[in-house]
Every structure is written in structure tokens, then in C-alpha cells.
Amino acid sequence: IKQGLPMVKDGGIFKVHTTHLINNAKDAGYRIVQVNLSAPKEVLFERFQKRVRDSQFVNIKLGNVKEERFWELYTLYEENKDEALPTYDTTQMTSEEIAKKILELCDHYFLS
């Protein structure tokens, strides 16, 4: 924020951190667009398991490899996500389609 660069923030698990970051960004003159990215919990768990498996073959150390922690984080996300925000299901839209929607939101909020 201090350098004035555009940024994208991933995740909203800890609402207090998200709120703090957004308030700092607004104080610095940033305009904010927020969205939720979602998928059915079964799909998210399958993706988690695949990341854990794949990390063993590419020598990447993941911060979380425990199933119990995955479910804790999933629950935190569900409890803290802002239902009023636009939500895009990553099983129903491609990443390109989601990016286009987010850019349209930016155009709407920043150019209108």
C-alpha cells in the first residue's frame, strides 16, 4: 500500500485482518472491489488433497497439509465471508470468465 501499487488480496478467512487491510487501503486512496470465489466443499477438499499429493513431486513445502486444518480454515472462511459480495463458483466458470467479471466490476465502480 505504501508504494501505491495496485494489489489483489486473496482470502478472507480472518475478518479482522481483511477489515484492517481494506481500511488502510481506503485511507491511502485505493478504491476497493471485493468478490468471493467459491466451490462446493467436496471440490475444495479434492483440490486440497491434490495439492498435497502434487507438492511431494515438485518439492514444494505447503503451509497446510493436514485434513483437520483444511476443515478449520474452510469453516472460518464460511463463517467470515461477506454474503453481500459478488460470488463466483470456480466449478461453474473458467478463470478467464471470472477475471472478465471482476474487470467489469472494476470498470463499473471506477469509471462510472
N, C-alpha and C. Protein backbone atom coordinates (compact mmCIF):
# COMPACT_ATOMS: atom_id res chain seq x y z
N ILE A 1 0.84 -1.19 0.00
CA ILE A 1 0.00 0.00 0.00
C ILE A 1 0.88 1.24 0.00
N LYS A 2 1.93 1.25 0.79
CA LYS A 2 2.78 2.43 0.92
C LYS A 2 3.40 2.84 -0.41
N GLN A 3 3.63 1.86 -1.30
CA GLN A 3 4.25 2.16 -2.58
C GLN A 3 3.24 2.59 -3.64
N GLY A 4 1.94 2.53 -3.33
CA GLY A 4 0.92 2.97 -4.26
C GLY A 4 0.66 2.02 -5.41
N LEU A 5 1.06 0.77 -5.29
CA LEU A 5 0.87 -0.20 -6.36
C LEU A 5 -0.51 -0.84 -6.26
N PRO A 6 -1.12 -1.18 -7.40
CA PRO A 6 -2.38 -1.93 -7.36
C PRO A 6 -2.14 -3.28 -6.70
N MET A 7 -3.16 -3.82 -6.07
CA MET A 7 -2.97 -5.11 -5.43
C MET A 7 -4.25 -5.93 -5.49
N VAL A 8 -4.03 -7.24 -5.36
CA VAL A 8 -5.12 -8.20 -5.24
C VAL A 8 -4.86 -8.95 -3.95
N LYS A 9 -5.87 -9.04 -3.12
CA LYS A 9 -5.73 -9.76 -1.85
C LYS A 9 -6.54 -11.04 -1.94
N ASP A 10 -5.92 -12.14 -1.63
CA ASP A 10 -6.59 -13.44 -1.65
C ASP A 10 -7.02 -13.80 -0.25
N GLY A 11 -8.21 -14.31 -0.15
CA GLY A 11 -8.67 -14.87 1.11
C GLY A 11 -9.29 -13.86 2.05
N GLY A 12 -10.24 -14.32 2.78
CA GLY A 12 -10.93 -13.50 3.76
C GLY A 12 -11.23 -14.31 4.99
N ILE A 13 -10.29 -15.16 5.38
CA ILE A 13 -10.54 -16.08 6.48
C ILE A 13 -10.64 -15.33 7.80
N PHE A 14 -9.74 -14.39 8.01
CA PHE A 14 -9.71 -13.66 9.27
C PHE A 14 -10.23 -12.26 9.03
N LYS A 15 -11.49 -12.05 9.35
CA LYS A 15 -12.17 -10.80 9.03
C LYS A 15 -11.45 -9.58 9.59
N VAL A 16 -10.89 -9.70 10.78
CA VAL A 16 -10.20 -8.55 11.39
C VAL A 16 -9.02 -8.12 10.53
N HIS A 17 -8.28 -9.07 9.95
CA HIS A 17 -7.15 -8.73 9.09
C HIS A 17 -7.63 -8.10 7.78
N THR A 18 -8.68 -8.67 7.22
CA THR A 18 -9.23 -8.15 5.98
C THR A 18 -9.74 -6.73 6.18
N THR A 19 -10.47 -6.51 7.26
CA THR A 19 -11.01 -5.18 7.55
C THR A 19 -9.88 -4.17 7.73
N HIS A 20 -8.85 -4.57 8.45
CA HIS A 20 -7.70 -3.69 8.67
C HIS A 20 -7.03 -3.32 7.35
N LEU A 21 -6.80 -4.31 6.50
CA LEU A 21 -6.16 -4.06 5.21
C LEU A 21 -7.02 -3.14 4.35
N ILE A 22 -8.31 -3.41 4.30
CA ILE A 22 -9.21 -2.58 3.48
C ILE A 22 -9.25 -1.15 4.00
N ASN A 23 -9.33 -0.98 5.29
CA ASN A 23 -9.34 0.37 5.86
C ASN A 23 -8.05 1.12 5.54
N ASN A 24 -6.91 0.44 5.66
CA ASN A 24 -5.63 1.07 5.32
C ASN A 24 -5.59 1.44 3.84
N ALA A 25 -6.08 0.56 2.99
CA ALA A 25 -6.09 0.84 1.56
C ALA A 25 -6.99 2.04 1.24
N LYS A 26 -8.17 2.08 1.84
CA LYS A 26 -9.08 3.22 1.62
C LYS A 26 -8.45 4.51 2.11
N ASP A 27 -7.80 4.47 3.27
CA ASP A 27 -7.13 5.66 3.81
C ASP A 27 -6.02 6.14 2.87
N ALA A 28 -5.43 5.22 2.13
CA ALA A 28 -4.36 5.56 1.19
C ALA A 28 -4.90 5.97 -0.18
N GLY A 29 -6.23 6.00 -0.31
CA GLY A 29 -6.83 6.43 -1.57
C GLY A 29 -7.17 5.33 -2.55
N TYR A 30 -7.02 4.09 -2.15
CA TYR A 30 -7.38 2.98 -3.03
C TYR A 30 -8.89 2.86 -3.14
N ARG A 31 -9.34 2.43 -4.29
CA ARG A 31 -10.73 2.03 -4.47
C ARG A 31 -10.75 0.51 -4.40
N ILE A 32 -11.77 -0.02 -3.77
CA ILE A 32 -11.80 -1.44 -3.43
C ILE A 32 -12.91 -2.16 -4.19
N VAL A 33 -12.56 -3.31 -4.75
CA VAL A 33 -13.55 -4.24 -5.30
C VAL A 33 -13.28 -5.57 -4.62
N GLN A 34 -14.32 -6.14 -4.02
CA GLN A 34 -14.17 -7.43 -3.35
C GLN A 34 -15.13 -8.42 -3.98
N VAL A 35 -14.70 -9.66 -4.05
CA VAL A 35 -15.54 -10.76 -4.53
C VAL A 35 -15.25 -12.00 -3.69
N ASN A 36 -16.15 -12.94 -3.75
CA ASN A 36 -15.91 -14.27 -3.17
C ASN A 36 -15.70 -15.25 -4.31
N LEU A 37 -14.71 -16.10 -4.18
CA LEU A 37 -14.54 -17.23 -5.08
C LEU A 37 -14.92 -18.47 -4.28
N SER A 38 -15.75 -19.30 -4.87
CA SER A 38 -16.23 -20.46 -4.12
C SER A 38 -16.27 -21.70 -5.01
N ALA A 39 -16.52 -22.80 -4.35
CA ALA A 39 -16.75 -24.09 -5.00
C ALA A 39 -17.39 -24.96 -3.93
N PRO A 40 -18.09 -26.01 -4.34
CA PRO A 40 -18.63 -26.92 -3.34
C PRO A 40 -17.52 -27.46 -2.44
N LYS A 41 -17.84 -27.68 -1.17
CA LYS A 41 -16.80 -28.08 -0.23
C LYS A 41 -16.12 -29.39 -0.63
N GLU A 42 -16.84 -30.28 -1.26
CA GLU A 42 -16.23 -31.54 -1.70
C GLU A 42 -15.16 -31.28 -2.75
N VAL A 43 -15.43 -30.33 -3.64
CA VAL A 43 -14.47 -29.98 -4.69
C VAL A 43 -13.25 -29.32 -4.06
N LEU A 44 -13.49 -28.43 -3.12
CA LEU A 44 -12.36 -27.77 -2.44
C LEU A 44 -11.48 -28.79 -1.74
N PHE A 45 -12.10 -29.77 -1.10
CA PHE A 45 -11.32 -30.79 -0.42
C PHE A 45 -10.53 -31.64 -1.41
N GLU A 46 -11.13 -31.99 -2.53
CA GLU A 46 -10.40 -32.74 -3.56
C GLU A 46 -9.21 -31.94 -4.07
N ARG A 47 -9.39 -30.64 -4.28
CA ARG A 47 -8.30 -29.78 -4.74
C ARG A 47 -7.19 -29.73 -3.69
N PHE A 48 -7.57 -29.63 -2.42
CA PHE A 48 -6.60 -29.63 -1.32
C PHE A 48 -5.78 -30.92 -1.36
N GLN A 49 -6.47 -32.06 -1.45
CA GLN A 49 -5.77 -33.35 -1.46
C GLN A 49 -4.81 -33.44 -2.65
N LYS A 50 -5.23 -32.95 -3.79
CA LYS A 50 -4.38 -32.98 -4.99
C LYS A 50 -3.15 -32.10 -4.79
N ARG A 51 -3.32 -30.90 -4.20
CA ARG A 51 -2.17 -30.03 -3.93
C ARG A 51 -1.18 -30.72 -3.01
N VAL A 52 -1.69 -31.37 -1.98
CA VAL A 52 -0.80 -32.07 -1.04
C VAL A 52 -0.04 -33.17 -1.77
N ARG A 53 -0.75 -33.98 -2.55
CA ARG A 53 -0.09 -35.07 -3.32
C ARG A 53 0.95 -34.50 -4.28
N ASP A 54 0.54 -33.48 -5.06
CA ASP A 54 1.42 -32.92 -6.08
C ASP A 54 2.65 -32.26 -5.48
N SER A 55 2.50 -31.69 -4.30
CA SER A 55 3.63 -30.97 -3.68
C SER A 55 4.79 -31.92 -3.40
N GLN A 56 4.51 -33.18 -3.20
CA GLN A 56 5.56 -34.15 -2.91
C GLN A 56 6.45 -34.39 -4.13
N PHE A 57 5.91 -34.16 -5.31
CA PHE A 57 6.66 -34.45 -6.54
C PHE A 57 7.40 -33.24 -7.08
N VAL A 58 7.04 -32.06 -6.64
CA VAL A 58 7.69 -30.86 -7.16
C VAL A 58 8.49 -30.13 -6.08
N ASN A 59 8.67 -30.79 -4.95
CA ASN A 59 9.49 -30.26 -3.87
C ASN A 59 9.02 -28.89 -3.40
N ILE A 60 7.72 -28.76 -3.18
CA ILE A 60 7.14 -27.53 -2.64
C ILE A 60 6.62 -27.84 -1.24
N LYS A 61 6.98 -26.98 -0.31
CA LYS A 61 6.51 -27.15 1.07
C LYS A 61 5.24 -26.32 1.26
N LEU A 62 4.13 -26.98 1.54
CA LEU A 62 2.86 -26.30 1.76
C LEU A 62 2.73 -25.92 3.22
N GLY A 63 2.04 -24.82 3.47
CA GLY A 63 1.81 -24.39 4.84
C GLY A 63 0.82 -25.28 5.57
N ASN A 64 -0.07 -25.89 4.83
CA ASN A 64 -1.08 -26.74 5.45
C ASN A 64 -1.19 -28.04 4.67
N VAL A 65 -0.94 -29.15 5.35
CA VAL A 65 -1.09 -30.46 4.71
C VAL A 65 -2.01 -31.37 5.53
N LYS A 66 -2.60 -30.85 6.58
CA LYS A 66 -3.43 -31.67 7.45
C LYS A 66 -4.91 -31.46 7.15
N GLU A 67 -5.62 -32.57 7.01
CA GLU A 67 -7.05 -32.53 6.70
C GLU A 67 -7.82 -31.74 7.76
N GLU A 68 -7.50 -31.95 9.01
CA GLU A 68 -8.20 -31.25 10.10
C GLU A 68 -8.07 -29.74 9.94
N ARG A 69 -6.86 -29.26 9.59
CA ARG A 69 -6.65 -27.82 9.41
C ARG A 69 -7.39 -27.31 8.19
N PHE A 70 -7.46 -28.12 7.14
CA PHE A 70 -8.23 -27.72 5.97
C PHE A 70 -9.67 -27.40 6.38
N TRP A 71 -10.29 -28.30 7.14
CA TRP A 71 -11.69 -28.10 7.54
C TRP A 71 -11.84 -26.92 8.49
N GLU A 72 -10.85 -26.67 9.35
CA GLU A 72 -10.89 -25.49 10.22
C GLU A 72 -10.90 -24.21 9.38
N LEU A 73 -10.01 -24.16 8.39
CA LEU A 73 -9.93 -22.98 7.52
C LEU A 73 -11.18 -22.83 6.67
N TYR A 74 -11.71 -23.94 6.18
CA TYR A 74 -12.94 -23.89 5.40
C TYR A 74 -14.07 -23.30 6.25
N THR A 75 -14.19 -23.76 7.49
CA THR A 75 -15.24 -23.27 8.38
C THR A 75 -15.05 -21.78 8.67
N LEU A 76 -13.81 -21.37 8.91
CA LEU A 76 -13.54 -19.94 9.15
C LEU A 76 -13.95 -19.10 7.95
N TYR A 77 -13.61 -19.58 6.75
CA TYR A 77 -13.98 -18.85 5.54
C TYR A 77 -15.50 -18.72 5.44
N GLU A 78 -16.19 -19.81 5.62
CA GLU A 78 -17.66 -19.79 5.52
C GLU A 78 -18.28 -18.87 6.56
N GLU A 79 -17.72 -18.85 7.76
CA GLU A 79 -18.27 -18.01 8.83
C GLU A 79 -17.98 -16.53 8.60
N ASN A 80 -16.92 -16.21 7.90
CA ASN A 80 -16.49 -14.82 7.76
C ASN A 80 -16.74 -14.21 6.39
N LYS A 81 -17.14 -15.00 5.40
CA LYS A 81 -17.30 -14.41 4.07
C LYS A 81 -18.49 -13.46 4.06
N ASP A 82 -18.37 -12.44 3.26
CA ASP A 82 -19.41 -11.43 3.14
C ASP A 82 -20.38 -11.87 2.05
N GLU A 83 -21.56 -12.29 2.46
CA GLU A 83 -22.56 -12.81 1.52
C GLU A 83 -23.07 -11.73 0.57
N ALA A 84 -22.87 -10.46 0.92
CA ALA A 84 -23.34 -9.38 0.05
C ALA A 84 -22.45 -9.17 -1.16
N LEU A 85 -21.26 -9.75 -1.14
CA LEU A 85 -20.32 -9.57 -2.26
C LEU A 85 -20.68 -10.48 -3.42
N PRO A 86 -20.31 -10.08 -4.65
CA PRO A 86 -20.48 -10.99 -5.77
C PRO A 86 -19.69 -12.27 -5.51
N THR A 87 -20.29 -13.40 -5.85
CA THR A 87 -19.65 -14.70 -5.62
C THR A 87 -19.58 -15.46 -6.94
N TYR A 88 -18.42 -15.98 -7.24
CA TYR A 88 -18.20 -16.73 -8.47
C TYR A 88 -17.77 -18.15 -8.11
N ASP A 89 -18.52 -19.12 -8.61
CA ASP A 89 -18.24 -20.53 -8.36
C ASP A 89 -17.22 -21.00 -9.39
N THR A 90 -16.07 -21.42 -8.91
CA THR A 90 -14.99 -21.81 -9.80
C THR A 90 -15.23 -23.15 -10.50
N THR A 91 -16.32 -23.83 -10.14
CA THR A 91 -16.68 -25.04 -10.88
C THR A 91 -17.67 -24.73 -11.99
N GLN A 92 -18.20 -23.52 -11.99
CA GLN A 92 -19.20 -23.13 -12.98
C GLN A 92 -18.67 -22.13 -14.00
N MET A 93 -17.53 -21.53 -13.69
CA MET A 93 -16.94 -20.52 -14.57
C MET A 93 -15.44 -20.80 -14.71
N THR A 94 -14.89 -20.48 -15.87
CA THR A 94 -13.45 -20.59 -16.07
C THR A 94 -12.77 -19.41 -15.38
N SER A 95 -11.47 -19.53 -15.19
CA SER A 95 -10.73 -18.41 -14.60
C SER A 95 -10.81 -17.18 -15.49
N GLU A 96 -10.84 -17.38 -16.79
CA GLU A 96 -10.95 -16.26 -17.72
C GLU A 96 -12.30 -15.56 -17.57
N GLU A 97 -13.36 -16.34 -17.41
CA GLU A 97 -14.70 -15.75 -17.23
C GLU A 97 -14.78 -14.97 -15.92
N ILE A 98 -14.20 -15.53 -14.88
CA ILE A 98 -14.20 -14.84 -13.59
C ILE A 98 -13.39 -13.55 -13.67
N ALA A 99 -12.23 -13.61 -14.30
CA ALA A 99 -11.40 -12.41 -14.45
C ALA A 99 -12.17 -11.33 -15.21
N LYS A 100 -12.88 -11.73 -16.25
CA LYS A 100 -13.67 -10.77 -17.03
C LYS A 100 -14.74 -10.12 -16.16
N LYS A 101 -15.42 -10.91 -15.34
CA LYS A 101 -16.45 -10.37 -14.43
C LYS A 101 -15.84 -9.38 -13.44
N ILE A 102 -14.68 -9.72 -12.91
CA ILE A 102 -14.03 -8.83 -11.95
C ILE A 102 -13.61 -7.53 -12.63
N LEU A 103 -13.07 -7.63 -13.83
CA LEU A 103 -12.71 -6.42 -14.57
C LEU A 103 -13.93 -5.56 -14.88
N GLU A 104 -15.05 -6.21 -15.19
CA GLU A 104 -16.30 -5.46 -15.41
C GLU A 104 -16.72 -4.73 -14.13
N LEU A 105 -16.57 -5.38 -12.98
CA LEU A 105 -16.87 -4.71 -11.71
C LEU A 105 -15.96 -3.51 -11.50
N CYS A 106 -14.70 -3.68 -11.80
CA CYS A 106 -13.76 -2.56 -11.66
C CYS A 106 -14.16 -1.40 -12.56
N ASP A 107 -14.49 -1.70 -13.80
CA ASP A 107 -14.93 -0.66 -14.72
C ASP A 107 -16.18 0.04 -14.19
N HIS A 108 -17.12 -0.74 -13.68
CA HIS A 108 -18.37 -0.18 -13.16
C HIS A 108 -18.09 0.75 -11.98
N TYR A 109 -17.28 0.29 -11.02
CA TYR A 109 -17.03 1.09 -9.83
C TYR A 109 -16.06 2.25 -10.06
N PHE A 110 -15.11 2.07 -10.96
CA PHE A 110 -14.07 3.07 -11.10
C PHE A 110 -14.31 4.06 -12.25
N LEU A 111 -15.09 3.65 -13.23
CA LEU A 111 -15.29 4.53 -14.38
C LEU A 111 -16.67 5.18 -14.41
N SER A 112 -17.53 4.79 -13.50
CA SER A 112 -18.87 5.38 -13.52
C SER A 112 -18.97 6.52 -12.53
